[in-house]
Amino acid sequence: MEQPGPEAAAQNPALPRTSEPAAVPPRADWPNGSTEWHRVSSKYAWADLVLNLIMVLVAAAALVVLLVVAPDDVPLLPKAAVAVVGAALLVNALLAFRRVRAIGYVLREDDLLFRRGIMFERVIAVPYGRLQLVDVSRGPLLRALGLSTLKFVTASAATGVNLPGLPEAEAEALRDRLVELAETRRSGL
């Protein structure tokens, strides 16, 4: 039986989502004119959702304190600001699953291509020869879900890349592969 594509999974939430590569339209600037994006685990969306909902609860608690404890002493502007921040955080929480589906990476011949973002997509190419450190980290929430974050450090401070939501085994295998590629690329410098 053929596995459904990422478009079918996006339209039907009952279909399973995997971290299998997803085909993207060909681009002339990529090797061989095409590439496949590897996606992070869909379980990472739950971690992202939980963190966003915690922030919503903090904003709601601040609003309750402003309304109940000091209803007349606090001007309307701080109350409105906290309510707007809470609403923005709630919208952010609702977009957690879509935002996680937008995260992906590609191992190309000379670099790692990383992307994230829905409205404002960010694509970063990290040359293997410039990698100075590849770190795997696991916070308590990610560890409970069996996930890890892969952090890349390069000579440029602006190129700090975090690849969150990778299954632990995949993160460690990718770290080892990137270290191996970095060592072979640096030897030619």
N, C-alpha and C. Protein backbone atom coordinates (compact mmCIF):
# COMPACT_ATOMS: atom_id res chain seq x y z
N MET A 1 0.84 -1.18 0.00
CA MET A 1 0.00 0.00 0.00
C MET A 1 0.88 1.23 0.00
N GLU A 2 0.57 2.19 -0.83
CA GLU A 2 1.39 3.38 -0.97
C GLU A 2 1.10 4.36 0.17
N GLN A 3 2.17 4.96 0.72
CA GLN A 3 2.03 5.92 1.79
C GLN A 3 1.48 7.23 1.23
N PRO A 4 0.58 7.91 1.96
CA PRO A 4 0.06 9.18 1.49
C PRO A 4 1.15 10.24 1.53
N GLY A 5 1.07 11.18 0.61
CA GLY A 5 2.04 12.28 0.55
C GLY A 5 1.77 13.31 1.62
N PRO A 6 2.68 14.29 1.78
CA PRO A 6 2.50 15.30 2.82
C PRO A 6 1.27 16.17 2.58
N GLU A 7 0.86 16.35 1.31
CA GLU A 7 -0.31 17.16 1.03
C GLU A 7 -1.57 16.45 1.54
N ALA A 8 -1.65 15.13 1.31
CA ALA A 8 -2.81 14.37 1.77
C ALA A 8 -2.87 14.35 3.29
N ALA A 9 -1.71 14.22 3.95
CA ALA A 9 -1.67 14.21 5.42
C ALA A 9 -2.08 15.56 5.98
N ALA A 10 -1.73 16.65 5.28
CA ALA A 10 -2.09 17.98 5.74
C ALA A 10 -3.59 18.21 5.61
N GLN A 11 -4.22 17.62 4.59
CA GLN A 11 -5.65 17.81 4.38
C GLN A 11 -6.47 16.89 5.27
N ASN A 12 -5.94 15.73 5.64
CA ASN A 12 -6.67 14.77 6.44
C ASN A 12 -5.88 14.48 7.72
N PRO A 13 -6.27 15.05 8.86
CA PRO A 13 -5.51 14.85 10.09
C PRO A 13 -5.50 13.42 10.59
N ALA A 14 -6.36 12.55 10.06
CA ALA A 14 -6.37 11.16 10.50
C ALA A 14 -5.21 10.36 9.93
N LEU A 15 -4.61 10.85 8.84
CA LEU A 15 -3.48 10.14 8.25
C LEU A 15 -2.24 10.32 9.10
N PRO A 16 -1.38 9.29 9.20
CA PRO A 16 -0.19 9.40 10.04
C PRO A 16 0.82 10.36 9.41
N ARG A 17 1.51 11.10 10.29
CA ARG A 17 2.59 11.98 9.83
C ARG A 17 3.90 11.33 10.25
N THR A 18 4.87 11.33 9.35
CA THR A 18 6.16 10.74 9.65
C THR A 18 7.24 11.77 9.43
N SER A 19 8.46 11.43 9.85
CA SER A 19 9.58 12.32 9.61
C SER A 19 10.29 11.96 8.32
N GLU A 20 9.58 11.28 7.42
CA GLU A 20 10.14 10.93 6.12
C GLU A 20 10.36 12.19 5.30
N PRO A 21 11.31 12.14 4.37
CA PRO A 21 11.54 13.30 3.53
C PRO A 21 10.30 13.65 2.73
N ALA A 22 10.06 14.94 2.56
CA ALA A 22 8.96 15.41 1.76
C ALA A 22 9.51 16.07 0.51
N ALA A 23 8.97 15.72 -0.63
CA ALA A 23 9.45 16.28 -1.89
C ALA A 23 9.07 17.75 -1.95
N VAL A 24 9.96 18.54 -2.49
CA VAL A 24 9.70 19.96 -2.71
C VAL A 24 9.87 20.24 -4.19
N PRO A 25 9.27 21.30 -4.68
CA PRO A 25 9.42 21.60 -6.10
C PRO A 25 10.88 21.81 -6.47
N PRO A 26 11.29 21.41 -7.69
CA PRO A 26 12.68 21.58 -8.11
C PRO A 26 13.07 23.04 -8.15
N ARG A 27 14.32 23.29 -7.79
CA ARG A 27 14.88 24.64 -7.90
C ARG A 27 16.21 24.52 -8.61
N ALA A 28 16.49 25.48 -9.45
CA ALA A 28 17.70 25.43 -10.26
C ALA A 28 18.97 25.56 -9.41
N ASP A 29 18.88 26.23 -8.26
CA ASP A 29 20.09 26.45 -7.47
C ASP A 29 20.44 25.29 -6.54
N TRP A 30 19.64 24.21 -6.51
CA TRP A 30 19.96 23.05 -5.70
C TRP A 30 20.60 21.99 -6.57
N PRO A 31 21.45 21.14 -5.99
CA PRO A 31 22.09 20.09 -6.78
C PRO A 31 21.05 19.22 -7.48
N ASN A 32 21.30 18.90 -8.72
CA ASN A 32 20.41 18.08 -9.55
C ASN A 32 19.03 18.70 -9.72
N GLY A 33 18.86 19.97 -9.37
CA GLY A 33 17.60 20.65 -9.58
C GLY A 33 16.49 20.30 -8.61
N SER A 34 16.72 19.40 -7.64
CA SER A 34 15.67 19.05 -6.68
C SER A 34 16.31 18.57 -5.38
N THR A 35 15.49 18.46 -4.36
CA THR A 35 15.96 17.97 -3.07
C THR A 35 14.76 17.49 -2.27
N GLU A 36 15.00 16.83 -1.15
CA GLU A 36 13.94 16.36 -0.28
C GLU A 36 14.17 16.89 1.13
N TRP A 37 13.13 17.46 1.72
CA TRP A 37 13.21 17.99 3.07
C TRP A 37 12.91 16.88 4.07
N HIS A 38 13.75 16.76 5.09
CA HIS A 38 13.48 15.86 6.21
C HIS A 38 12.77 16.70 7.26
N ARG A 39 11.66 16.21 7.74
CA ARG A 39 10.87 16.96 8.71
C ARG A 39 11.16 16.47 10.12
N VAL A 40 10.90 17.35 11.09
CA VAL A 40 11.06 16.96 12.49
C VAL A 40 9.84 16.16 12.91
N SER A 41 9.93 15.53 14.06
CA SER A 41 8.85 14.69 14.57
C SER A 41 7.61 15.53 14.86
N SER A 42 6.45 14.99 14.54
CA SER A 42 5.19 15.70 14.82
C SER A 42 4.93 15.78 16.33
N LYS A 43 5.62 14.95 17.13
CA LYS A 43 5.47 15.04 18.59
C LYS A 43 6.01 16.36 19.12
N TYR A 44 6.92 17.00 18.37
CA TYR A 44 7.46 18.28 18.81
C TYR A 44 6.37 19.35 18.87
N ALA A 45 5.33 19.22 18.06
CA ALA A 45 4.24 20.19 18.09
C ALA A 45 3.57 20.20 19.46
N TRP A 46 3.47 19.04 20.11
CA TRP A 46 2.88 18.98 21.45
C TRP A 46 3.73 19.74 22.46
N ALA A 47 5.05 19.59 22.36
CA ALA A 47 5.95 20.32 23.26
C ALA A 47 5.82 21.82 23.03
N ASP A 48 5.76 22.22 21.76
CA ASP A 48 5.61 23.64 21.42
C ASP A 48 4.27 24.16 21.92
N LEU A 49 3.22 23.36 21.77
CA LEU A 49 1.89 23.76 22.22
C LEU A 49 1.86 23.93 23.74
N VAL A 50 2.45 23.00 24.46
CA VAL A 50 2.47 23.07 25.93
C VAL A 50 3.20 24.34 26.39
N LEU A 51 4.35 24.63 25.80
CA LEU A 51 5.09 25.84 26.19
C LEU A 51 4.30 27.10 25.88
N ASN A 52 3.63 27.13 24.73
CA ASN A 52 2.82 28.30 24.38
C ASN A 52 1.62 28.44 25.32
N LEU A 53 0.99 27.34 25.68
CA LEU A 53 -0.16 27.42 26.58
C LEU A 53 0.27 27.85 27.99
N ILE A 54 1.46 27.49 28.41
CA ILE A 54 1.97 27.97 29.70
C ILE A 54 2.11 29.49 29.67
N MET A 55 2.60 30.01 28.55
CA MET A 55 2.72 31.47 28.42
C MET A 55 1.34 32.13 28.40
N VAL A 56 0.35 31.49 27.78
CA VAL A 56 -1.02 32.02 27.78
C VAL A 56 -1.54 32.06 29.22
N LEU A 57 -1.28 31.00 29.99
CA LEU A 57 -1.73 30.98 31.38
C LEU A 57 -1.07 32.07 32.22
N VAL A 58 0.21 32.32 31.97
CA VAL A 58 0.91 33.39 32.68
C VAL A 58 0.28 34.75 32.35
N ALA A 59 -0.01 34.98 31.07
CA ALA A 59 -0.65 36.24 30.68
C ALA A 59 -2.05 36.35 31.28
N ALA A 60 -2.79 35.25 31.30
CA ALA A 60 -4.14 35.26 31.89
C ALA A 60 -4.06 35.54 33.38
N ALA A 61 -3.09 34.94 34.06
CA ALA A 61 -2.92 35.18 35.49
C ALA A 61 -2.58 36.65 35.75
N ALA A 62 -1.73 37.23 34.91
CA ALA A 62 -1.39 38.65 35.07
C ALA A 62 -2.62 39.53 34.88
N LEU A 63 -3.45 39.18 33.89
CA LEU A 63 -4.67 39.95 33.65
C LEU A 63 -5.64 39.82 34.83
N VAL A 64 -5.78 38.62 35.38
CA VAL A 64 -6.66 38.42 36.54
C VAL A 64 -6.16 39.23 37.72
N VAL A 65 -4.85 39.24 37.94
CA VAL A 65 -4.30 40.03 39.04
C VAL A 65 -4.60 41.50 38.83
N LEU A 66 -4.44 41.98 37.59
CA LEU A 66 -4.73 43.39 37.31
C LEU A 66 -6.21 43.73 37.49
N LEU A 67 -7.09 42.81 37.14
CA LEU A 67 -8.53 43.07 37.22
C LEU A 67 -9.10 42.88 38.62
N VAL A 68 -8.58 41.88 39.36
CA VAL A 68 -9.17 41.54 40.65
C VAL A 68 -8.49 42.26 41.81
N VAL A 69 -7.17 42.21 41.83
CA VAL A 69 -6.45 42.77 42.98
C VAL A 69 -6.51 44.29 43.00
N ALA A 70 -6.29 44.90 41.86
CA ALA A 70 -6.28 46.37 41.82
C ALA A 70 -7.14 46.86 40.66
N PRO A 71 -8.45 46.66 40.74
CA PRO A 71 -9.29 47.02 39.60
C PRO A 71 -9.35 48.52 39.30
N ASP A 72 -9.28 49.37 40.33
CA ASP A 72 -9.40 50.81 40.10
C ASP A 72 -8.06 51.52 40.04
N ASP A 73 -7.02 50.91 40.63
CA ASP A 73 -5.73 51.57 40.71
C ASP A 73 -4.92 51.48 39.43
N VAL A 74 -5.22 50.50 38.59
CA VAL A 74 -4.43 50.29 37.38
C VAL A 74 -5.16 50.91 36.20
N PRO A 75 -4.46 51.73 35.40
CA PRO A 75 -5.09 52.33 34.22
C PRO A 75 -5.49 51.27 33.19
N LEU A 76 -6.29 51.65 32.24
CA LEU A 76 -6.81 50.73 31.23
C LEU A 76 -5.72 50.23 30.28
N LEU A 77 -4.71 51.03 29.99
CA LEU A 77 -3.67 50.66 29.02
C LEU A 77 -2.92 49.39 29.41
N PRO A 78 -2.41 49.23 30.66
CA PRO A 78 -1.74 47.97 31.00
C PRO A 78 -2.67 46.76 30.92
N LYS A 79 -3.93 46.94 31.29
CA LYS A 79 -4.88 45.84 31.20
C LYS A 79 -5.09 45.42 29.75
N ALA A 80 -5.25 46.40 28.88
CA ALA A 80 -5.43 46.12 27.45
C ALA A 80 -4.18 45.48 26.86
N ALA A 81 -3.02 45.95 27.29
CA ALA A 81 -1.76 45.39 26.77
C ALA A 81 -1.62 43.92 27.16
N VAL A 82 -1.93 43.57 28.39
CA VAL A 82 -1.84 42.18 28.84
C VAL A 82 -2.86 41.33 28.09
N ALA A 83 -4.07 41.86 27.86
CA ALA A 83 -5.09 41.11 27.12
C ALA A 83 -4.66 40.86 25.69
N VAL A 84 -4.06 41.85 25.05
CA VAL A 84 -3.60 41.70 23.66
C VAL A 84 -2.45 40.69 23.59
N VAL A 85 -1.52 40.76 24.54
CA VAL A 85 -0.42 39.80 24.57
C VAL A 85 -0.96 38.39 24.77
N GLY A 86 -1.91 38.22 25.67
CA GLY A 86 -2.52 36.91 25.90
C GLY A 86 -3.21 36.38 24.65
N ALA A 87 -3.92 37.24 23.94
CA ALA A 87 -4.59 36.82 22.70
C ALA A 87 -3.56 36.43 21.63
N ALA A 88 -2.49 37.20 21.53
CA ALA A 88 -1.44 36.87 20.55
C ALA A 88 -0.78 35.54 20.89
N LEU A 89 -0.54 35.29 22.17
CA LEU A 89 0.04 34.01 22.59
C LEU A 89 -0.91 32.85 22.31
N LEU A 90 -2.21 33.08 22.47
CA LEU A 90 -3.19 32.04 22.18
C LEU A 90 -3.21 31.70 20.69
N VAL A 91 -3.15 32.71 19.84
CA VAL A 91 -3.08 32.47 18.39
C VAL A 91 -1.79 31.73 18.06
N ASN A 92 -0.70 32.13 18.70
CA ASN A 92 0.58 31.45 18.49
C ASN A 92 0.49 29.97 18.88
N ALA A 93 -0.20 29.68 19.97
CA ALA A 93 -0.38 28.29 20.41
C ALA A 93 -1.21 27.51 19.40
N LEU A 94 -2.23 28.15 18.84
CA LEU A 94 -3.07 27.47 17.86
C LEU A 94 -2.32 27.12 16.57
N LEU A 95 -1.27 27.86 16.28
CA LEU A 95 -0.47 27.62 15.07
C LEU A 95 0.69 26.65 15.30
N ALA A 96 0.78 26.06 16.48
CA ALA A 96 1.93 25.21 16.82
C ALA A 96 2.12 24.06 15.83
N PHE A 97 1.05 23.37 15.49
CA PHE A 97 1.18 22.20 14.60
C PHE A 97 1.60 22.61 13.20
N ARG A 98 1.07 23.71 12.70
CA ARG A 98 1.46 24.18 11.36
C ARG A 98 2.91 24.66 11.36
N ARG A 99 3.30 25.33 12.43
CA ARG A 99 4.67 25.85 12.53
C ARG A 99 5.69 24.71 12.56
N VAL A 100 5.38 23.64 13.26
CA VAL A 100 6.30 22.50 13.34
C VAL A 100 6.40 21.79 11.99
N ARG A 101 5.30 21.72 11.25
CA ARG A 101 5.36 21.10 9.91
C ARG A 101 6.24 21.89 8.96
N ALA A 102 6.48 23.16 9.24
CA ALA A 102 7.30 24.00 8.37
C ALA A 102 8.79 23.85 8.65
N ILE A 103 9.17 23.14 9.71
CA ILE A 103 10.58 22.96 10.04
C ILE A 103 11.13 21.78 9.27
N GLY A 104 12.27 21.96 8.62
CA GLY A 104 12.88 20.86 7.89
C GLY A 104 14.35 21.11 7.63
N TYR A 105 15.03 20.05 7.18
CA TYR A 105 16.44 20.18 6.86
C TYR A 105 16.78 19.27 5.68
N VAL A 106 17.87 19.62 5.01
CA VAL A 106 18.37 18.85 3.88
C VAL A 106 19.88 18.76 4.00
N LEU A 107 20.42 17.56 3.88
CA LEU A 107 21.88 17.40 3.80
C LEU A 107 22.25 17.46 2.32
N ARG A 108 22.93 18.53 1.94
CA ARG A 108 23.37 18.67 0.56
C ARG A 108 24.84 18.28 0.46
N GLU A 109 25.40 18.42 -0.70
CA GLU A 109 26.78 17.99 -0.92
C GLU A 109 27.77 18.77 -0.06
N ASP A 110 27.61 20.09 0.02
CA ASP A 110 28.58 20.92 0.74
C ASP A 110 28.03 21.60 1.99
N ASP A 111 26.74 21.50 2.22
CA ASP A 111 26.17 22.19 3.37
C ASP A 111 24.87 21.54 3.83
N LEU A 112 24.43 22.01 5.00
CA LEU A 112 23.15 21.60 5.56
C LEU A 112 22.20 22.77 5.34
N LEU A 113 21.06 22.50 4.75
CA LEU A 113 20.06 23.52 4.50
C LEU A 113 18.96 23.34 5.55
N PHE A 114 18.61 24.41 6.25
CA PHE A 114 17.63 24.38 7.33
C PHE A 114 16.58 25.43 7.05
N ARG A 115 15.29 25.08 7.27
CA ARG A 115 14.24 26.07 7.07
C ARG A 115 13.23 25.99 8.20
N ARG A 116 12.58 27.13 8.44
CA ARG A 116 11.50 27.21 9.41
C ARG A 116 10.69 28.46 9.11
N GLY A 117 9.48 28.51 9.62
CA GLY A 117 8.64 29.69 9.47
C GLY A 117 7.46 29.45 8.56
N ILE A 118 6.35 30.13 8.86
CA ILE A 118 5.14 30.02 8.05
C ILE A 118 5.02 31.25 7.16
N MET A 119 4.76 32.39 7.76
CA MET A 119 4.64 33.62 6.97
C MET A 119 6.00 34.14 6.56
N PHE A 120 6.93 34.12 7.49
CA PHE A 120 8.27 34.62 7.24
C PHE A 120 9.22 33.43 7.25
N GLU A 121 9.35 32.79 6.10
CA GLU A 121 10.19 31.60 6.01
C GLU A 121 11.66 32.00 6.06
N ARG A 122 12.41 31.25 6.83
CA ARG A 122 13.85 31.49 6.96
C ARG A 122 14.56 30.22 6.50
N VAL A 123 15.47 30.37 5.53
CA VAL A 123 16.25 29.25 5.03
C VAL A 123 17.72 29.58 5.27
N ILE A 124 18.41 28.68 5.96
CA ILE A 124 19.82 28.90 6.30
C ILE A 124 20.63 27.76 5.73
N ALA A 125 21.73 28.09 5.08
CA ALA A 125 22.68 27.09 4.61
C ALA A 125 23.91 27.15 5.51
N VAL A 126 24.24 26.03 6.13
CA VAL A 126 25.40 25.96 7.02
C VAL A 126 26.45 25.08 6.34
N PRO A 127 27.55 25.68 5.84
CA PRO A 127 28.59 24.87 5.20
C PRO A 127 29.24 23.93 6.20
N TYR A 128 29.47 22.69 5.79
CA TYR A 128 30.05 21.69 6.70
C TYR A 128 31.41 22.14 7.22
N GLY A 129 32.21 22.77 6.38
CA GLY A 129 33.55 23.19 6.78
C GLY A 129 33.56 24.28 7.83
N ARG A 130 32.44 24.98 8.01
CA ARG A 130 32.34 26.07 9.00
C ARG A 130 31.78 25.63 10.34
N LEU A 131 31.33 24.38 10.43
CA LEU A 131 30.78 23.89 11.69
C LEU A 131 31.90 23.75 12.73
N GLN A 132 31.71 24.38 13.88
CA GLN A 132 32.68 24.28 14.96
C GLN A 132 32.19 23.35 16.06
N LEU A 133 30.87 23.29 16.25
CA LEU A 133 30.30 22.48 17.31
C LEU A 133 28.91 22.02 16.87
N VAL A 134 28.64 20.75 17.09
CA VAL A 134 27.30 20.20 16.87
C VAL A 134 26.89 19.57 18.20
N ASP A 135 25.86 20.13 18.81
CA ASP A 135 25.48 19.76 20.17
C ASP A 135 24.06 19.19 20.17
N VAL A 136 23.84 18.13 20.93
CA VAL A 136 22.51 17.56 21.12
C VAL A 136 22.06 17.91 22.53
N SER A 137 20.90 18.55 22.65
CA SER A 137 20.38 18.88 23.98
C SER A 137 18.95 18.36 24.11
N ARG A 138 18.59 18.04 25.35
CA ARG A 138 17.26 17.51 25.65
C ARG A 138 16.77 18.14 26.95
N GLY A 139 15.74 18.95 26.86
CA GLY A 139 15.10 19.49 28.06
C GLY A 139 14.16 18.45 28.62
N PRO A 140 13.58 18.73 29.79
CA PRO A 140 12.70 17.74 30.41
C PRO A 140 11.47 17.39 29.56
N LEU A 141 10.87 18.37 28.93
CA LEU A 141 9.68 18.11 28.11
C LEU A 141 10.04 17.31 26.86
N LEU A 142 11.12 17.69 26.18
CA LEU A 142 11.56 16.96 24.99
C LEU A 142 12.00 15.54 25.36
N ARG A 143 12.69 15.42 26.49
CA ARG A 143 13.15 14.10 26.93
C ARG A 143 11.95 13.17 27.20
N ALA A 144 10.88 13.72 27.77
CA ALA A 144 9.68 12.93 28.03
C ALA A 144 9.04 12.44 26.73
N LEU A 145 9.20 13.21 25.66
CA LEU A 145 8.65 12.83 24.36
C LEU A 145 9.64 12.04 23.50
N GLY A 146 10.86 11.83 24.02
CA GLY A 146 11.88 11.09 23.27
C GLY A 146 12.49 11.91 22.14
N LEU A 147 12.53 13.24 22.32
CA LEU A 147 13.03 14.14 21.28
C LEU A 147 14.28 14.88 21.74
N SER A 148 14.97 15.47 20.78
CA SER A 148 16.20 16.23 21.06
C SER A 148 16.24 17.45 20.18
N THR A 149 17.11 18.39 20.55
CA THR A 149 17.39 19.56 19.73
C THR A 149 18.85 19.50 19.32
N LEU A 150 19.10 19.69 18.05
CA LEU A 150 20.46 19.70 17.51
C LEU A 150 20.87 21.16 17.32
N LYS A 151 21.98 21.57 17.92
CA LYS A 151 22.44 22.95 17.84
C LYS A 151 23.75 22.98 17.07
N PHE A 152 23.81 23.89 16.10
CA PHE A 152 25.02 24.06 15.28
C PHE A 152 25.66 25.39 15.63
N VAL A 153 26.96 25.38 15.89
CA VAL A 153 27.70 26.60 16.16
C VAL A 153 28.74 26.76 15.07
N THR A 154 28.76 27.94 14.46
CA THR A 154 29.74 28.26 13.42
C THR A 154 30.55 29.47 13.86
N ALA A 155 31.47 29.90 13.02
CA ALA A 155 32.28 31.07 13.33
C ALA A 155 31.44 32.33 13.36
N SER A 156 30.35 32.36 12.63
CA SER A 156 29.46 33.52 12.59
C SER A 156 28.43 33.43 13.71
N ALA A 157 28.32 34.50 14.46
CA ALA A 157 27.34 34.52 15.55
C ALA A 157 25.91 34.53 15.02
N ALA A 158 25.70 35.04 13.80
CA ALA A 158 24.36 35.15 13.23
C ALA A 158 23.85 33.83 12.68
N THR A 159 24.71 32.82 12.59
CA THR A 159 24.31 31.56 11.98
C THR A 159 24.01 30.49 13.01
N GLY A 160 23.66 30.88 14.22
CA GLY A 160 23.29 29.89 15.22
C GLY A 160 22.00 29.20 14.81
N VAL A 161 22.07 27.92 14.56
CA VAL A 161 20.91 27.17 14.09
C VAL A 161 20.55 26.11 15.12
N ASN A 162 19.27 26.06 15.49
CA ASN A 162 18.75 25.02 16.35
C ASN A 162 17.75 24.22 15.54
N LEU A 163 17.94 22.92 15.48
CA LEU A 163 17.02 22.03 14.79
C LEU A 163 16.28 21.23 15.87
N PRO A 164 15.08 21.69 16.28
CA PRO A 164 14.36 21.04 17.38
C PRO A 164 13.51 19.88 16.89
N GLY A 165 13.11 19.02 17.83
CA GLY A 165 12.11 18.01 17.55
C GLY A 165 12.58 16.79 16.81
N LEU A 166 13.87 16.48 16.87
CA LEU A 166 14.36 15.26 16.22
C LEU A 166 14.27 14.10 17.21
N PRO A 167 13.88 12.92 16.74
CA PRO A 167 13.96 11.75 17.62
C PRO A 167 15.40 11.56 18.09
N GLU A 168 15.58 11.06 19.31
CA GLU A 168 16.91 10.98 19.91
C GLU A 168 17.92 10.25 19.03
N ALA A 169 17.54 9.09 18.50
CA ALA A 169 18.47 8.31 17.67
C ALA A 169 18.83 9.06 16.40
N GLU A 170 17.85 9.73 15.78
CA GLU A 170 18.11 10.50 14.56
C GLU A 170 19.02 11.69 14.86
N ALA A 171 18.81 12.36 16.00
CA ALA A 171 19.65 13.51 16.37
C ALA A 171 21.09 13.08 16.58
N GLU A 172 21.30 11.96 17.26
CA GLU A 172 22.66 11.51 17.51
C GLU A 172 23.34 11.04 16.23
N ALA A 173 22.60 10.35 15.36
CA ALA A 173 23.17 9.91 14.09
C ALA A 173 23.50 11.11 13.20
N LEU A 174 22.61 12.10 13.19
CA LEU A 174 22.87 13.31 12.39
C LEU A 174 24.05 14.08 12.94
N ARG A 175 24.16 14.16 14.27
CA ARG A 175 25.31 14.84 14.88
C ARG A 175 26.62 14.16 14.46
N ASP A 176 26.66 12.82 14.55
CA ASP A 176 27.87 12.10 14.17
C ASP A 176 28.21 12.30 12.69
N ARG A 177 27.19 12.27 11.84
CA ARG A 177 27.40 12.47 10.40
C ARG A 177 27.91 13.88 10.11
N LEU A 178 27.35 14.89 10.77
CA LEU A 178 27.77 16.27 10.55
C LEU A 178 29.19 16.51 11.06
N VAL A 179 29.54 15.90 12.18
CA VAL A 179 30.92 16.03 12.69
C VAL A 179 31.90 15.40 11.71
N GLU A 180 31.54 14.24 11.18
CA GLU A 180 32.39 13.57 10.19
C GLU A 180 32.54 14.43 8.94
N LEU A 181 31.45 14.99 8.45
CA LEU A 181 31.51 15.85 7.26
C LEU A 181 32.31 17.12 7.54
N ALA A 182 32.15 17.69 8.74
CA ALA A 182 32.88 18.91 9.09
C ALA A 182 34.38 18.65 9.14
N GLU A 183 34.77 17.51 9.68
CA GLU A 183 36.20 17.19 9.76
C GLU A 183 36.81 17.00 8.38
N THR A 184 36.10 16.35 7.47
CA THR A 184 36.65 16.16 6.12
C THR A 184 36.69 17.46 5.35
N ARG A 185 35.73 18.35 5.55
CA ARG A 185 35.71 19.63 4.83
C ARG A 185 36.75 20.60 5.37
N ARG A 186 36.99 20.56 6.70
CA ARG A 186 37.99 21.45 7.28
C ARG A 186 39.39 21.08 6.89
N SER A 187 39.62 19.80 6.64
CA SER A 187 40.98 19.38 6.29
C SER A 187 41.43 19.98 4.98
N GLY A 188 40.48 20.36 4.12
CA GLY A 188 40.82 20.97 2.85
C GLY A 188 41.04 22.46 2.94
N LEU A 189 40.77 23.09 4.10
CA LEU A 189 40.92 24.56 4.23
C LEU A 189 42.35 24.94 4.45
